[in-house]
Amino acid sequence: MKLYGDFEKEDWLNVLKLSEKELPNAFIIHGEWGFQDNLSLWKEILSTNVHMPK
């Protein structure tokens, strides 16, 4: 098991199901209990271009 800080580019591409040309300039990793309300808030704050990994 790797921690986020141990992930390399290939790990992130695999986890996020992205190709290299789809890579964003930045992304936010957000995790906590009761996350659905917080995800809704982040979507409103950031933009309509949100990628939710599976």
N, C-alpha and C. Protein backbone atom coordinates (compact mmCIF):
# COMPACT_ATOMS: atom_id res chain seq x y z
N MET A 1 0.85 -1.18 0.00
CA MET A 1 0.00 0.00 0.00
C MET A 1 0.89 1.24 0.00
N LYS A 2 0.60 2.16 -0.92
CA LYS A 2 1.35 3.40 -1.00
C LYS A 2 0.54 4.54 -0.40
N LEU A 3 1.24 5.49 0.20
CA LEU A 3 0.61 6.74 0.62
C LEU A 3 0.67 7.71 -0.54
N TYR A 4 -0.18 8.75 -0.51
CA TYR A 4 -0.22 9.70 -1.62
C TYR A 4 1.16 10.22 -1.99
N GLY A 5 1.98 10.52 -0.99
CA GLY A 5 3.31 11.06 -1.25
C GLY A 5 4.23 10.09 -1.95
N ASP A 6 3.90 8.80 -1.93
CA ASP A 6 4.73 7.78 -2.57
C ASP A 6 4.30 7.50 -4.01
N PHE A 7 3.17 8.06 -4.43
CA PHE A 7 2.67 7.81 -5.78
C PHE A 7 3.58 8.48 -6.81
N GLU A 8 3.81 7.78 -7.89
CA GLU A 8 4.53 8.33 -9.02
C GLU A 8 3.52 8.61 -10.14
N LYS A 9 3.98 9.25 -11.21
CA LYS A 9 3.07 9.65 -12.28
C LYS A 9 2.22 8.49 -12.79
N GLU A 10 2.82 7.35 -13.01
CA GLU A 10 2.08 6.20 -13.53
C GLU A 10 0.99 5.75 -12.56
N ASP A 11 1.27 5.85 -11.26
CA ASP A 11 0.27 5.49 -10.25
C ASP A 11 -0.94 6.41 -10.34
N TRP A 12 -0.69 7.73 -10.44
CA TRP A 12 -1.79 8.69 -10.53
C TRP A 12 -2.59 8.51 -11.80
N LEU A 13 -1.93 8.28 -12.90
CA LEU A 13 -2.64 8.06 -14.16
C LEU A 13 -3.56 6.84 -14.04
N ASN A 14 -3.07 5.80 -13.42
CA ASN A 14 -3.86 4.58 -13.24
C ASN A 14 -5.04 4.81 -12.30
N VAL A 15 -4.79 5.43 -11.17
CA VAL A 15 -5.86 5.65 -10.19
C VAL A 15 -6.95 6.56 -10.73
N LEU A 16 -6.54 7.63 -11.41
CA LEU A 16 -7.50 8.61 -11.91
C LEU A 16 -8.07 8.25 -13.27
N LYS A 17 -7.59 7.15 -13.86
CA LYS A 17 -8.06 6.70 -15.17
C LYS A 17 -7.91 7.82 -16.22
N LEU A 18 -6.72 8.43 -16.25
CA LEU A 18 -6.42 9.51 -17.18
C LEU A 18 -5.26 9.11 -18.09
N SER A 19 -5.28 9.64 -19.29
CA SER A 19 -4.11 9.52 -20.15
C SER A 19 -3.22 10.73 -19.88
N GLU A 20 -1.98 10.69 -20.35
CA GLU A 20 -1.08 11.81 -20.10
C GLU A 20 -1.59 13.12 -20.68
N LYS A 21 -2.25 13.05 -21.85
CA LYS A 21 -2.75 14.29 -22.46
C LYS A 21 -3.96 14.87 -21.73
N GLU A 22 -4.59 14.10 -20.84
CA GLU A 22 -5.74 14.58 -20.07
C GLU A 22 -5.33 15.17 -18.72
N LEU A 23 -4.05 15.17 -18.41
CA LEU A 23 -3.60 15.63 -17.10
C LEU A 23 -3.94 17.10 -16.87
N PRO A 24 -4.55 17.41 -15.73
CA PRO A 24 -4.83 18.81 -15.39
C PRO A 24 -3.56 19.49 -14.88
N ASN A 25 -3.59 20.81 -14.79
CA ASN A 25 -2.47 21.55 -14.22
C ASN A 25 -2.36 21.30 -12.72
N ALA A 26 -3.48 21.05 -12.08
CA ALA A 26 -3.51 20.80 -10.64
C ALA A 26 -4.77 20.01 -10.31
N PHE A 27 -4.76 19.35 -9.17
CA PHE A 27 -5.97 18.70 -8.69
C PHE A 27 -5.93 18.62 -7.18
N ILE A 28 -7.09 18.42 -6.58
CA ILE A 28 -7.23 18.38 -5.14
C ILE A 28 -7.62 16.97 -4.73
N ILE A 29 -6.91 16.44 -3.76
CA ILE A 29 -7.28 15.16 -3.16
C ILE A 29 -7.97 15.49 -1.85
N HIS A 30 -9.20 15.06 -1.75
CA HIS A 30 -10.00 15.44 -0.59
C HIS A 30 -10.64 14.18 -0.01
N GLY A 31 -10.40 13.93 1.24
CA GLY A 31 -11.00 12.75 1.86
C GLY A 31 -11.39 13.02 3.30
N GLU A 32 -12.56 12.63 3.67
CA GLU A 32 -13.03 12.74 5.05
C GLU A 32 -14.37 12.02 5.15
N TRP A 33 -14.85 11.88 6.36
CA TRP A 33 -16.16 11.27 6.57
C TRP A 33 -17.24 12.24 6.13
N GLY A 34 -18.36 11.72 5.70
CA GLY A 34 -19.47 12.57 5.25
C GLY A 34 -19.07 13.40 4.05
N PHE A 35 -18.43 12.77 3.10
CA PHE A 35 -17.79 13.49 2.01
C PHE A 35 -18.75 14.02 0.96
N GLN A 36 -19.95 13.48 0.83
CA GLN A 36 -20.83 13.88 -0.27
C GLN A 36 -21.16 15.37 -0.24
N ASP A 37 -21.47 15.92 0.92
CA ASP A 37 -21.76 17.35 1.01
C ASP A 37 -20.54 18.18 0.65
N ASN A 38 -19.37 17.73 1.10
CA ASN A 38 -18.15 18.46 0.80
C ASN A 38 -17.80 18.40 -0.68
N LEU A 39 -18.03 17.25 -1.32
CA LEU A 39 -17.78 17.16 -2.76
C LEU A 39 -18.69 18.11 -3.52
N SER A 40 -19.93 18.21 -3.11
CA SER A 40 -20.86 19.14 -3.76
C SER A 40 -20.36 20.58 -3.63
N LEU A 41 -19.87 20.92 -2.46
CA LEU A 41 -19.34 22.27 -2.24
C LEU A 41 -18.11 22.53 -3.11
N TRP A 42 -17.18 21.58 -3.16
CA TRP A 42 -15.98 21.74 -4.00
C TRP A 42 -16.35 21.91 -5.47
N LYS A 43 -17.34 21.15 -5.93
CA LYS A 43 -17.76 21.27 -7.33
C LYS A 43 -18.28 22.67 -7.63
N GLU A 44 -19.01 23.26 -6.69
CA GLU A 44 -19.52 24.62 -6.88
C GLU A 44 -18.38 25.63 -6.88
N ILE A 45 -17.42 25.45 -5.99
CA ILE A 45 -16.33 26.40 -5.83
C ILE A 45 -15.39 26.38 -7.03
N LEU A 46 -15.03 25.20 -7.50
CA LEU A 46 -13.97 25.09 -8.50
C LEU A 46 -14.42 25.39 -9.91
N SER A 47 -15.25 24.57 -10.47
CA SER A 47 -15.69 24.79 -11.85
C SER A 47 -16.64 23.68 -12.26
N THR A 48 -17.04 23.73 -13.50
CA THR A 48 -17.87 22.65 -14.03
C THR A 48 -17.02 21.54 -14.60
N ASN A 49 -15.70 21.73 -14.69
CA ASN A 49 -14.79 20.74 -15.24
C ASN A 49 -14.18 19.92 -14.09
N VAL A 50 -14.95 18.98 -13.58
CA VAL A 50 -14.53 18.15 -12.45
C VAL A 50 -14.45 16.70 -12.89
N HIS A 51 -13.35 16.06 -12.60
CA HIS A 51 -13.18 14.63 -12.93
C HIS A 51 -13.26 13.84 -11.63
N MET A 52 -14.23 12.95 -11.53
CA MET A 52 -14.39 12.13 -10.35
C MET A 52 -13.90 10.72 -10.67
N PRO A 53 -12.79 10.30 -10.04
CA PRO A 53 -12.30 8.94 -10.31
C PRO A 53 -13.30 7.90 -9.84
N LYS A 54 -13.21 6.73 -10.43
CA LYS A 54 -14.13 5.63 -10.07
C LYS A 54 -13.74 5.02 -8.75
